C-alpha atoms as a PDB file:
ATOM      1  CA  MET A   1      23.841  57.129 -57.197  1.00  0.00           C
ATOM      2  CA  THR A   2      24.358  53.573 -58.374  1.00  0.00           C
ATOM      3  CA  ALA A   3      23.325  51.008 -55.769  1.00  0.00           C
ATOM      4  CA  PRO A   4      25.961  48.464 -54.704  1.00  0.00           C
ATOM      5  CA  LEU A   5      25.711  45.013 -56.236  1.00  0.00           C
ATOM      6  CA  MET A   6      24.383  42.526 -53.681  1.00  0.00           C
ATOM      7  CA  VAL A   7      26.399  39.293 -53.670  1.00  0.00           C
ATOM      8  CA  GLY A   8      24.840  36.494 -51.637  1.00  0.00           C
ATOM      9  CA  ALA A   9      25.884  32.957 -50.795  1.00  0.00           C
ATOM     10  CA  ALA A  10      24.366  31.553 -53.997  1.00  0.00           C
ATOM     11  CA  ASP A  11      26.569  33.907 -56.027  1.00  0.00           C
ATOM     12  CA  MET A  12      29.673  32.402 -54.389  1.00  0.00           C
ATOM     13  CA  ALA A  13      28.857  28.784 -55.266  1.00  0.00           C
ATOM     14  CA  GLY A  14      30.379  26.675 -58.010  1.00  0.00           C
ATOM     15  CA  VAL A  15      33.802  25.393 -59.003  1.00  0.00           C
ATOM     16  CA  ARG A  16      34.536  28.181 -61.475  1.00  0.00           C
ATOM     17  CA  ARG A  17      33.888  30.912 -58.925  1.00  0.00           C
ATOM     18  CA  MET A  18      35.937  29.105 -56.306  1.00  0.00           C
ATOM     19  CA  THR A  19      38.788  28.725 -58.796  1.00  0.00           C
ATOM     20  CA  ARG A  20      38.564  32.429 -59.599  1.00  0.00           C
ATOM     21  CA  VAL A  21      38.908  33.270 -55.910  1.00  0.00           C
ATOM     22  CA  ILE A  22      41.875  30.890 -55.528  1.00  0.00           C
ATOM     23  CA  ASP A  23      43.673  32.445 -58.503  1.00  0.00           C
ATOM     24  CA  THR A  24      43.015  36.001 -57.304  1.00  0.00           C
ATOM     25  CA  LEU A  25      44.292  35.145 -53.839  1.00  0.00           C
ATOM     26  CA  GLY A  26      47.445  33.815 -55.487  1.00  0.00           C
ATOM     27  CA  GLU A  27      48.004  37.236 -57.086  1.00  0.00           C
ATOM     28  CA  MET A  28      47.361  38.987 -53.799  1.00  0.00           C
ATOM     29  CA  PHE A  29      49.720  36.785 -51.768  1.00  0.00           C
ATOM     30  CA  THR A  30      52.451  37.382 -54.343  1.00  0.00           C
ATOM     31  CA  ASP A  31      51.955  41.122 -53.851  1.00  0.00           C
ATOM     32  CA  LEU A  32      51.887  40.693 -50.072  1.00  0.00           C
ATOM     33  CA  ALA A  33      55.150  38.721 -50.003  1.00  0.00           C
ATOM     34  CA  GLY A  34      56.716  41.269 -52.349  1.00  0.00           C
ATOM     35  CA  GLY A  35      55.799  44.181 -50.092  1.00  0.00           C
ATOM     36  CA  ARG A  36      53.423  45.685 -52.649  1.00  0.00           C
ATOM     37  CA  THR A  37      50.404  45.517 -50.358  1.00  0.00           C
ATOM     38  CA  ARG A  38      49.703  44.949 -46.683  1.00  0.00           C
ATOM     39  CA  SER A  39      46.923  43.853 -44.365  1.00  0.00           C
ATOM     40  CA  PRO A  40      46.134  46.094 -41.392  1.00  0.00           C
ATOM     41  CA  ALA A  41      45.338  44.511 -38.060  1.00  0.00           C
ATOM     42  CA  ARG A  42      41.697  43.795 -37.286  1.00  0.00           C
ATOM     43  CA  THR A  43      39.834  45.661 -34.582  1.00  0.00           C
ATOM     44  CA  VAL A  44      38.511  43.096 -32.117  1.00  0.00           C
ATOM     45  CA  VAL A  45      35.881  43.947 -29.509  1.00  0.00           C
ATOM     46  CA  GLU A  46      35.089  41.182 -27.038  1.00  0.00           C
ATOM     47  CA  HIS A  47      31.802  41.307 -25.155  1.00  0.00           C
ATOM     48  CA  GLY A  48      29.565  39.006 -23.164  1.00  0.00           C
ATOM     49  CA  ASP A  49      30.537  35.352 -22.906  1.00  0.00           C
ATOM     50  CA  GLN A  50      33.251  34.911 -25.598  1.00  0.00           C
ATOM     51  CA  ARG A  51      31.249  36.938 -28.101  1.00  0.00           C
ATOM     52  CA  VAL A  52      33.317  38.979 -30.532  1.00  0.00           C
ATOM     53  CA  LEU A  53      32.765  41.867 -32.943  1.00  0.00           C
ATOM     54  CA  LEU A  54      35.487  42.254 -35.577  1.00  0.00           C
ATOM     55  CA  VAL A  55      36.103  45.051 -38.065  1.00  0.00           C
ATOM     56  CA  SER A  56      38.619  44.231 -40.820  1.00  0.00           C
ATOM     57  CA  PRO A  57      39.661  46.913 -43.363  1.00  0.00           C
ATOM     58  CA  ALA A  58      42.194  46.516 -46.171  1.00  0.00           C
ATOM     59  CA  VAL A  59      43.222  48.099 -49.467  1.00  0.00           C
ATOM     60  CA  TRP A  60      44.695  46.281 -52.482  1.00  0.00           C
ATOM     61  CA  GLU A  61      46.150  49.122 -54.529  1.00  0.00           C
ATOM     62  CA  GLN A  62      47.236  46.949 -57.465  1.00  0.00           C
ATOM     63  CA  ARG A  63      43.601  46.046 -58.169  1.00  0.00           C
ATOM     64  CA  GLY A  64      42.220  49.453 -57.200  1.00  0.00           C
ATOM     65  CA  VAL A  65      39.922  48.102 -54.494  1.00  0.00           C
ATOM     66  CA  GLY A  66      39.434  48.203 -50.754  1.00  0.00           C
ATOM     67  CA  SER A  67      37.053  46.486 -48.378  1.00  0.00           C
ATOM     68  CA  VAL A  68      35.715  46.592 -44.855  1.00  0.00           C
ATOM     69  CA  LYS A  69      34.286  43.486 -43.214  1.00  0.00           C
ATOM     70  CA  VAL A  70      32.144  43.594 -40.094  1.00  0.00           C
ATOM     71  CA  THR A  71      31.830  40.180 -38.466  1.00  0.00           C
ATOM     72  CA  THR A  72      30.252  38.795 -35.318  1.00  0.00           C
ATOM     73  CA  LEU A  73      31.354  35.559 -33.667  1.00  0.00           C
ATOM     74  CA  THR A  74      28.820  34.053 -31.277  1.00  0.00           C
ATOM     75  CA  PRO A  75      30.001  30.668 -29.896  1.00  0.00           C
ATOM     76  CA  ASP A  76      26.616  29.523 -28.576  1.00  0.00           C
ATOM     77  CA  ASN A  77      24.769  30.251 -31.827  1.00  0.00           C
ATOM     78  CA  PRO A  78      24.998  26.660 -33.124  1.00  0.00           C
ATOM     79  CA  ASP A  79      23.015  25.549 -30.063  1.00  0.00           C
ATOM     80  CA  ARG A  80      20.313  27.996 -31.194  1.00  0.00           C
ATOM     81  CA  GLY A  81      20.351  26.613 -34.698  1.00  0.00           C
ATOM     82  CA  LEU A  82      22.077  29.790 -35.935  1.00  0.00           C
ATOM     83  CA  PRO A  83      25.416  30.252 -37.735  1.00  0.00           C
ATOM     84  CA  LEU A  84      28.513  30.831 -35.627  1.00  0.00           C
ATOM     85  CA  ILE A  85      29.484  33.776 -37.845  1.00  0.00           C
ATOM     86  CA  HIS A  86      27.426  36.635 -39.255  1.00  0.00           C
ATOM     87  CA  GLY A  87      28.872  39.476 -41.283  1.00  0.00           C
ATOM     88  CA  ILE A  88      28.942  41.759 -44.280  1.00  0.00           C
ATOM     89  CA  VAL A  89      31.712  42.982 -46.562  1.00  0.00           C
ATOM     90  CA  ALA A  90      31.633  46.357 -48.326  1.00  0.00           C
ATOM     91  CA  LEU A  91      33.810  46.487 -51.457  1.00  0.00           C
ATOM     92  CA  THR A  92      34.972  49.912 -52.643  1.00  0.00           C
ATOM     93  CA  ASP A  93      36.455  51.352 -55.817  1.00  0.00           C
ATOM     94  CA  LEU A  94      39.566  53.283 -54.790  1.00  0.00           C
ATOM     95  CA  ALA A  95      39.415  55.642 -57.770  1.00  0.00           C
ATOM     96  CA  THR A  96      35.935  56.950 -57.015  1.00  0.00           C
ATOM     97  CA  GLY A  97      35.383  55.906 -53.401  1.00  0.00           C
ATOM     98  CA  ARG A  98      32.112  54.302 -54.484  1.00  0.00           C
ATOM     99  CA  ILE A  99      30.848  51.222 -52.656  1.00  0.00           C
ATOM    100  CA  THR A 100      30.507  48.780 -55.524  1.00  0.00           C
ATOM    101  CA  ALA A 101      29.256  45.668 -53.738  1.00  0.00           C
ATOM    102  CA  LEU A 102      27.927  44.314 -50.463  1.00  0.00           C
ATOM    103  CA  LEU A 103      28.729  40.665 -49.898  1.00  0.00           C
ATOM    104  CA  ASP A 104      27.525  38.074 -47.392  1.00  0.00           C
ATOM    105  CA  GLY A 105      30.384  38.200 -44.881  1.00  0.00           C
ATOM    106  CA  ALA A 106      29.908  34.764 -43.346  1.00  0.00           C
ATOM    107  CA  GLU A 107      29.902  32.997 -46.713  1.00  0.00           C
ATOM    108  CA  LEU A 108      32.791  35.112 -47.983  1.00  0.00           C
ATOM    109  CA  THR A 109      34.812  34.170 -44.895  1.00  0.00           C
ATOM    110  CA  ALA A 110      34.180  30.473 -45.530  1.00  0.00           C
ATOM    111  CA  VAL A 111      34.967  30.736 -49.244  1.00  0.00           C
ATOM    112  CA  ARG A 112      38.180  32.718 -48.898  1.00  0.00           C
ATOM    113  CA  THR A 113      39.474  30.558 -46.023  1.00  0.00           C
ATOM    114  CA  GLY A 114      38.846  27.447 -48.091  1.00  0.00           C
ATOM    115  CA  ALA A 115      40.454  29.119 -51.090  1.00  0.00           C
ATOM    116  CA  VAL A 116      43.618  29.978 -49.127  1.00  0.00           C
ATOM    117  CA  ALA A 117      43.897  26.312 -48.106  1.00  0.00           C
ATOM    118  CA  ALA A 118      43.297  25.219 -51.704  1.00  0.00           C
ATOM    119  CA  LEU A 119      45.983  27.610 -52.931  1.00  0.00           C
ATOM    120  CA  ALA A 120      48.526  25.953 -50.635  1.00  0.00           C
ATOM    121  CA  THR A 121      47.189  22.495 -51.493  1.00  0.00           C
ATOM    122  CA  ARG A 122      47.643  23.153 -55.209  1.00  0.00           C
ATOM    123  CA  ARG A 123      51.269  24.137 -54.633  1.00  0.00           C
ATOM    124  CA  CYS A 124      52.199  21.493 -52.028  1.00  0.00           C
ATOM    125  CA  THR A 125      50.633  18.282 -53.314  1.00  0.00           C
ATOM    126  CA  ALA A 126      50.942  16.052 -56.350  1.00  0.00           C
ATOM    127  CA  GLU A 127      48.406  16.720 -59.094  1.00  0.00           C
ATOM    128  CA  ASP A 128      46.861  13.278 -58.593  1.00  0.00           C
ATOM    129  CA  ALA A 129      46.394  13.568 -54.798  1.00  0.00           C
ATOM    130  CA  ASP A 130      42.865  12.264 -54.293  1.00  0.00           C
ATOM    131  CA  ASP A 131      42.448  11.442 -50.581  1.00  0.00           C
ATOM    132  CA  LEU A 132      41.176  14.093 -48.166  1.00  0.00           C
ATOM    133  CA  ALA A 133      40.615  13.997 -44.405  1.00  0.00           C
ATOM    134  CA  VAL A 134      38.590  16.728 -42.695  1.00  0.00           C
ATOM    135  CA  ILE A 135      38.379  17.271 -38.946  1.00  0.00           C
ATOM    136  CA  GLY A 136      35.283  19.304 -38.165  1.00  0.00           C
ATOM    137  CA  ALA A 137      31.829  19.368 -39.719  1.00  0.00           C
ATOM    138  CA  GLY A 138      30.787  23.007 -39.689  1.00  0.00           C
ATOM    139  CA  VAL A 139      30.456  25.627 -42.408  1.00  0.00           C
ATOM    140  CA  GLN A 140      34.211  25.987 -42.755  1.00  0.00           C
ATOM    141  CA  ALA A 141      34.795  22.244 -43.056  1.00  0.00           C
ATOM    142  CA  GLU A 142      32.298  22.114 -45.915  1.00  0.00           C
ATOM    143  CA  ALA A 143      33.944  25.083 -47.638  1.00  0.00           C
ATOM    144  CA  LEU A 144      37.336  23.391 -47.330  1.00  0.00           C
ATOM    145  CA  ILE A 145      36.018  20.292 -49.062  1.00  0.00           C
ATOM    146  CA  ARG A 146      34.595  22.419 -51.892  1.00  0.00           C
ATOM    147  CA  ALA A 147      37.844  24.336 -52.269  1.00  0.00           C
ATOM    148  CA  VAL A 148      40.224  21.379 -52.177  1.00  0.00           C
ATOM    149  CA  THR A 149      38.105  19.391 -54.639  1.00  0.00           C
ATOM    150  CA  ALA A 150      38.332  22.368 -57.003  1.00  0.00           C
ATOM    151  CA  VAL A 151      42.112  21.919 -57.290  1.00  0.00           C
ATOM    152  CA  ARG A 152      42.593  18.175 -56.782  1.00  0.00           C
ATOM    153  CA  PRO A 153      40.681  15.111 -58.126  1.00  0.00           C
ATOM    154  CA  ILE A 154      39.403  14.078 -54.696  1.00  0.00           C
ATOM    155  CA  ARG A 155      37.774  10.638 -54.734  1.00  0.00           C
ATOM    156  CA  GLY A 156      37.790   9.830 -51.033  1.00  0.00           C
ATOM    157  CA  VAL A 157      36.790  12.063 -48.103  1.00  0.00           C
ATOM    158  CA  ARG A 158      37.025  11.007 -44.468  1.00  0.00           C
ATOM    159  CA  ILE A 159      35.252  13.176 -41.892  1.00  0.00           C
ATOM    160  CA  HIS A 160      35.464  13.260 -38.122  1.00  0.00           C
ATOM    161  CA  SER A 161      33.575  15.544 -35.776  1.00  0.00           C
ATOM    162  CA  ARG A 162      32.961  15.479 -32.045  1.00  0.00           C
ATOM    163  CA  THR A 163      29.278  15.441 -32.982  1.00  0.00           C
ATOM    164  CA  ARG A 164      28.778  12.420 -35.211  1.00  0.00           C
ATOM    165  CA  ALA A 165      25.350  13.570 -36.369  1.00  0.00           C
ATOM    166  CA  ARG A 166      26.872  16.727 -37.858  1.00  0.00           C
ATOM    167  CA  ALA A 167      29.554  14.652 -39.565  1.00  0.00           C
ATOM    168  CA  GLU A 168      26.883  12.398 -41.071  1.00  0.00           C
ATOM    169  CA  GLN A 169      24.946  15.444 -42.294  1.00  0.00           C
ATOM    170  CA  LEU A 170      28.050  16.895 -43.906  1.00  0.00           C
ATOM    171  CA  ALA A 171      28.843  13.544 -45.511  1.00  0.00           C
ATOM    172  CA  ASP A 172      25.364  13.438 -47.041  1.00  0.00           C
ATOM    173  CA  ARG A 173      25.761  16.960 -48.470  1.00  0.00           C
ATOM    174  CA  VAL A 174      29.132  16.102 -49.968  1.00  0.00           C
ATOM    175  CA  ARG A 175      27.703  12.986 -51.632  1.00  0.00           C
ATOM    176  CA  GLU A 176      24.729  14.936 -52.989  1.00  0.00           C
ATOM    177  CA  THR A 177      26.687  17.895 -54.369  1.00  0.00           C
ATOM    178  CA  ALA A 178      29.953  16.342 -55.569  1.00  0.00           C
ATOM    179  CA  SER A 179      30.706  16.941 -59.243  1.00  0.00           C
ATOM    180  CA  ARG A 180      32.381  13.520 -59.487  1.00  0.00           C
ATOM    181  CA  PRO A 181      31.894  10.196 -57.658  1.00  0.00           C
ATOM    182  CA  VAL A 182      33.294  10.582 -54.137  1.00  0.00           C
ATOM    183  CA  ARG A 183      33.528   7.948 -51.408  1.00  0.00           C
ATOM    184  CA  VAL A 184      32.661   9.691 -48.132  1.00  0.00           C
ATOM    185  CA  THR A 185      33.319   7.999 -44.796  1.00  0.00           C
ATOM    186  CA  VAL A 186      32.505   9.204 -41.285  1.00  0.00           C
ATOM    187  CA  CYS A 187      35.234   8.089 -38.874  1.00  0.00           C
ATOM    188  CA  ASP A 188      34.874   7.484 -35.152  1.00  0.00           C
ATOM    189  CA  THR A 189      38.284   8.934 -34.271  1.00  0.00           C
ATOM    190  CA  VAL A 190      40.594  11.655 -35.539  1.00  0.00           C
ATOM    191  CA  LYS A 191      43.363   9.095 -35.906  1.00  0.00           C
ATOM    192  CA  ASP A 192      41.251   6.917 -38.193  1.00  0.00           C
ATOM    193  CA  ALA A 193      40.303   9.915 -40.308  1.00  0.00           C
ATOM    194  CA  VAL A 194      43.812  11.221 -40.927  1.00  0.00           C
ATOM    195  CA  ALA A 195      45.643   7.890 -41.287  1.00  0.00           C
ATOM    196  CA  ASP A 196      47.559   7.815 -44.596  1.00  0.00           C
ATOM    197  CA  ALA A 197      45.608  10.805 -45.979  1.00  0.00           C
ATOM    198  CA  ALA A 198      47.444  12.824 -48.627  1.00  0.00           C
ATOM    199  CA  ILE A 199      45.596  16.010 -47.643  1.00  0.00           C
ATOM    200  CA  ILE A 200      44.322  16.875 -44.167  1.00  0.00           C
ATOM    201  CA  CYS A 201      42.215  19.880 -43.172  1.00  0.00           C
ATOM    202  CA  THR A 202      41.388  20.829 -39.589  1.00  0.00           C
ATOM    203  CA  ALA A 203      38.509  23.217 -38.955  1.00  0.00           C
ATOM    204  CA  THR A 204      37.381  22.815 -35.377  1.00  0.00           C
ATOM    205  CA  SER A 205      36.137  25.301 -32.793  1.00  0.00           C
ATOM    206  CA  THR A 206      38.665  24.234 -30.169  1.00  0.00           C
ATOM    207  CA  ASP A 207      39.890  26.810 -27.671  1.00  0.00           C
ATOM    208  CA  ASP A 208      42.248  24.305 -26.044  1.00  0.00           C
ATOM    209  CA  ALA A 209      46.028  23.877 -26.142  1.00  0.00           C
ATOM    210  CA  THR A 210      45.617  20.089 -26.321  1.00  0.00           C
ATOM    211  CA  PRO A 211      46.240  18.950 -29.928  1.00  0.00           C
ATOM    212  CA  VAL A 212      43.337  17.519 -31.894  1.00  0.00           C
ATOM    213  CA  VAL A 213      45.729  15.798 -34.323  1.00  0.00           C
ATOM    214  CA  GLU A 214      48.932  14.219 -33.020  1.00  0.00           C
ATOM    215  CA  ALA A 215      52.085  14.537 -35.097  1.00  0.00           C
ATOM    216  CA  ASP A 216      52.707  10.806 -35.561  1.00  0.00           C
ATOM    217  CA  TRP A 217      49.230  10.288 -37.003  1.00  0.00           C
ATOM    218  CA  VAL A 218      50.174  12.313 -40.098  1.00  0.00           C
ATOM    219  CA  ALA A 219      51.739  10.332 -42.937  1.00  0.00           C
ATOM    220  CA  ALA A 220      55.101  11.427 -44.277  1.00  0.00           C
ATOM    221  CA  GLY A 221      54.627  13.652 -47.302  1.00  0.00           C
ATOM    222  CA  ALA A 222      51.081  14.678 -46.384  1.00  0.00           C
ATOM    223  CA  HIS A 223      49.891  18.282 -46.646  1.00  0.00           C
ATOM    224  CA  VAL A 224      47.956  19.695 -43.679  1.00  0.00           C
ATOM    225  CA  ASN A 225      45.773  22.821 -43.754  1.00  0.00           C
ATOM    226  CA  VAL A 226      45.289  24.071 -40.191  1.00  0.00           C
ATOM    227  CA  ILE A 227      42.544  26.665 -39.944  1.00  0.00           C
ATOM    228  CA  GLY A 228      42.959  27.105 -36.191  1.00  0.00           C
ATOM    229  CA  GLY A 229      40.674  27.229 -33.184  1.00  0.00           C
ATOM    230  CA  THR A 230      38.916  30.177 -31.592  1.00  0.00           C
ATOM    231  CA  HIS A 231      41.857  31.531 -29.584  1.00  0.00           C
ATOM    232  CA  PRO A 232      45.415  32.653 -30.531  1.00  0.00           C
ATOM    233  CA  ASP A 233      46.866  29.876 -28.373  1.00  0.00           C
ATOM    234  CA  ALA A 234      44.407  27.169 -29.448  1.00  0.00           C
ATOM    235  CA  ILE A 235      46.082  24.152 -31.044  1.00  0.00           C
ATOM    236  CA  GLU A 236      44.574  21.803 -33.595  1.00  0.00           C
ATOM    237  CA  VAL A 237      47.761  20.018 -34.685  1.00  0.00           C
ATOM    238  CA  GLU A 238      50.585  18.955 -32.366  1.00  0.00           C
ATOM    239  CA  PRO A 239      53.374  21.561 -32.721  1.00  0.00           C
ATOM    240  CA  ALA A 240      55.959  18.770 -33.032  1.00  0.00           C
ATOM    241  CA  LEU A 241      54.681  18.216 -36.577  1.00  0.00           C
ATOM    242  CA  LEU A 242      56.075  21.600 -37.583  1.00  0.00           C
ATOM    243  CA  ALA A 243      59.612  20.574 -36.632  1.00  0.00           C
ATOM    244  CA  GLY A 244      59.895  18.181 -39.543  1.00  0.00           C
ATOM    245  CA  ALA A 245      57.604  19.927 -42.010  1.00  0.00           C
ATOM    246  CA  VAL A 246      57.638  22.807 -44.448  1.00  0.00           C
ATOM    247  CA  THR A 247      55.614  25.268 -42.388  1.00  0.00           C
ATOM    248  CA  ILE A 248      53.721  27.906 -44.347  1.00  0.00           C
ATOM    249  CA  VAL A 249      51.953  30.987 -42.992  1.00  0.00           C
ATOM    250  CA  GLU A 250      50.041  33.772 -44.685  1.00  0.00           C
ATOM    251  CA  GLU A 251      52.331  36.434 -43.268  1.00  0.00           C
ATOM    252  CA  LEU A 252      55.042  36.087 -40.637  1.00  0.00           C
ATOM    253  CA  ALA A 253      53.848  38.880 -38.355  1.00  0.00           C
ATOM    254  CA  ALA A 254      50.246  37.660 -38.430  1.00  0.00           C
ATOM    255  CA  ALA A 255      51.305  34.094 -37.588  1.00  0.00           C
ATOM    256  CA  LEU A 256      53.484  35.194 -34.682  1.00  0.00           C
ATOM    257  CA  ASP A 257      50.504  37.076 -33.300  1.00  0.00           C
ATOM    258  CA  GLY A 258      47.731  34.542 -33.759  1.00  0.00           C
ATOM    259  CA  ALA A 259      48.813  31.041 -34.863  1.00  0.00           C
ATOM    260  CA  GLY A 260      48.782  28.767 -31.816  1.00  0.00           C
ATOM    261  CA  GLU A 261      50.839  25.941 -33.312  1.00  0.00           C
ATOM    262  CA  VAL A 262      53.485  28.332 -34.605  1.00  0.00           C
ATOM    263  CA  ARG A 263      53.697  30.186 -31.304  1.00  0.00           C
ATOM    264  CA  ALA A 264      54.004  26.924 -29.358  1.00  0.00           C
ATOM    265  CA  ALA A 265      56.617  25.472 -31.723  1.00  0.00           C
ATOM    266  CA  LEU A 266      58.692  28.637 -31.459  1.00  0.00           C
ATOM    267  CA  ALA A 267      58.369  28.746 -27.667  1.00  0.00           C
ATOM    268  CA  GLY A 268      59.398  25.098 -27.435  1.00  0.00           C
ATOM    269  CA  GLY A 269      62.448  25.553 -29.638  1.00  0.00           C
ATOM    270  CA  LEU A 270      61.044  23.188 -32.274  1.00  0.00           C
ATOM    271  CA  ILE A 271      61.425  25.771 -35.042  1.00  0.00           C
ATOM    272  CA  THR A 272      62.734  29.289 -35.540  1.00  0.00           C
ATOM    273  CA  ALA A 273      61.103  32.150 -37.380  1.00  0.00           C
ATOM    274  CA  ASP A 274      63.538  31.512 -40.234  1.00  0.00           C
ATOM    275  CA  ASP A 275      61.906  28.107 -40.744  1.00  0.00           C
ATOM    276  CA  LEU A 276      58.600  29.702 -41.743  1.00  0.00           C
ATOM    277  CA  TYR A 277      57.637  30.264 -45.382  1.00  0.00           C
ATOM    278  CA  GLU A 278      55.152  32.962 -46.344  1.00  0.00           C
ATOM    279  CA  LEU A 279      52.469  31.671 -48.697  1.00  0.00           C
ATOM    280  CA  GLY A 280      53.297  34.273 -51.337  1.00  0.00           C
ATOM    281  CA  SER A 281      56.837  32.928 -51.662  1.00  0.00           C
ATOM    282  CA  VAL A 282      55.519  29.373 -51.955  1.00  0.00           C
ATOM    283  CA  VAL A 283      53.031  30.423 -54.633  1.00  0.00           C
ATOM    284  CA  GLY A 284      55.909  32.144 -56.405  1.00  0.00           C
ATOM    285  CA  GLY A 285      57.772  28.842 -56.552  1.00  0.00           C
ATOM    286  CA  THR A 286      60.799  29.660 -54.415  1.00  0.00           C
ATOM    287  CA  ALA A 287      60.236  26.673 -52.093  1.00  0.00           C
ATOM    288  CA  ASP A 288      60.463  23.013 -53.141  1.00  0.00           C
ATOM    289  CA  VAL A 289      57.572  21.479 -51.214  1.00  0.00           C
ATOM    290  CA  VAL A 290      55.870  18.742 -53.264  1.00  0.00           C
ATOM    291  CA  GLY A 291      56.567  15.341 -51.725  1.00  0.00           C
ATOM    292  CA  ARG A 292      57.594  16.801 -48.374  1.00  0.00           C
ATOM    293  CA  THR A 293      55.358  16.985 -45.317  1.00  0.00           C
ATOM    294  CA  SER A 294      53.883  20.477 -45.312  1.00  0.00           C
ATOM    295  CA  VAL A 295      51.663  22.475 -42.989  1.00  0.00           C
ATOM    296  CA  LEU A 296      49.723  25.641 -43.776  1.00  0.00           C
ATOM    297  CA  ARG A 297      48.648  27.464 -40.613  1.00  0.00           C
ATOM    298  CA  THR A 298      46.180  30.252 -41.340  1.00  0.00           C
ATOM    299  CA  VAL A 299      44.914  33.030 -39.099  1.00  0.00           C
ATOM    300  CA  GLY A 300      42.802  34.964 -41.603  1.00  0.00           C
ATOM    301  CA  MET A 301      43.702  38.418 -42.890  1.00  0.00           C
ATOM    302  CA  ALA A 302      41.630  41.376 -44.033  1.00  0.00           C
ATOM    303  CA  ILE A 303      43.407  41.576 -47.391  1.00  0.00           C
ATOM    304  CA  GLU A 304      42.146  38.056 -48.141  1.00  0.00           C
ATOM    305  CA  ASP A 305      38.578  39.351 -47.844  1.00  0.00           C
ATOM    306  CA  THR A 306      39.436  42.167 -50.258  1.00  0.00           C
ATOM    307  CA  ALA A 307      40.894  39.769 -52.825  1.00  0.00           C
ATOM    308  CA  ALA A 308      38.024  37.295 -52.536  1.00  0.00           C
ATOM    309  CA  ALA A 309      35.443  40.088 -52.697  1.00  0.00           C
ATOM    310  CA  VAL A 310      36.847  41.580 -55.904  1.00  0.00           C
ATOM    311  CA  ALA A 311      37.069  38.140 -57.516  1.00  0.00           C
ATOM    312  CA  LEU A 312      33.443  37.365 -56.700  1.00  0.00           C
ATOM    313  CA  PHE A 313      32.195  40.849 -57.586  1.00  0.00           C
ATOM    314  CA  GLU A 314      33.885  40.785 -60.980  1.00  0.00           C
ATOM    315  CA  GLY A 315      32.582  37.289 -61.642  1.00  0.00           C
ATOM    316  CA  VAL A 316      28.986  38.229 -60.855  1.00  0.00           C
ATOM    317  CA  ALA A 317      29.184  41.615 -62.601  1.00  0.00           C
ATOM    318  CA  ASP A 318      30.600  40.005 -65.742  1.00  0.00           C
ATOM    319  CA  GLY A 319      27.950  37.291 -65.663  1.00  0.00           C
ATOM    320  CA  HIS A 320      30.460  34.449 -65.188  1.00  0.00           C
ATOM    321  CA  VAL A 321      29.193  31.301 -63.495  1.00  0.00           C
END
């Protein structure tokens, strides 16, 4: 029996590997929008004080792979000096049923979520967009910066976090690891951070329905990646922003179930379901979005883990950096 390849966080680092994941996700979302694959619902088991165990299976027939991710979400872990998310992903070969790789689930989650945002950013922004605002300073915020800078020549990053010390720490890491000169600024307020930014990413742990970013703070023509809080009704960006924007979701059914801003905008009559674009159709070029205000609202889907896992596995197995 051949042992599965172990793929750790270090194996997921680097611009070329991130770009590979972004491109593979583009293929997958095209298949998803075309009805050639699907993403089953996750199994969610809540226990204790807001602790969650999630099991996420999916199969991508066109690439001959499947995966199962087991993830734990423990909200008070950061206070212990531990990651919010722990997990593992098992990648399988559909032809033989063999488990081909075991991947660090927490890092894979961060990488593929950042890659989904970068995929939308690449489609929705001008090629010379170089100004990025990030709200949040955790693992996901850092992954978003890595992903967006892989597809756009980012030269300025503004960061805001409720905990300024974490924002300063993230700013230092960005300065130290950037592949090009980047001006990194820690802002005292969300409004200061997002003002006039071409690209905005929100990655907070809010569980509140009070917006973190108000609609009139976002410049016309900006692109906003909304990763979402820790609850299906949590809101990071004021739903009014969606009324005048191209609103993109991974999949319509998934967004209606778990995207707080989308649910609130629909309930308030600000948009209809017909106003929503699935990411696969945007990647396919059927929507004219560059130059218009656009919002990607993600919820995370199991098939994204499958696509990211096969991209990373093939990259490591082939010896690509």
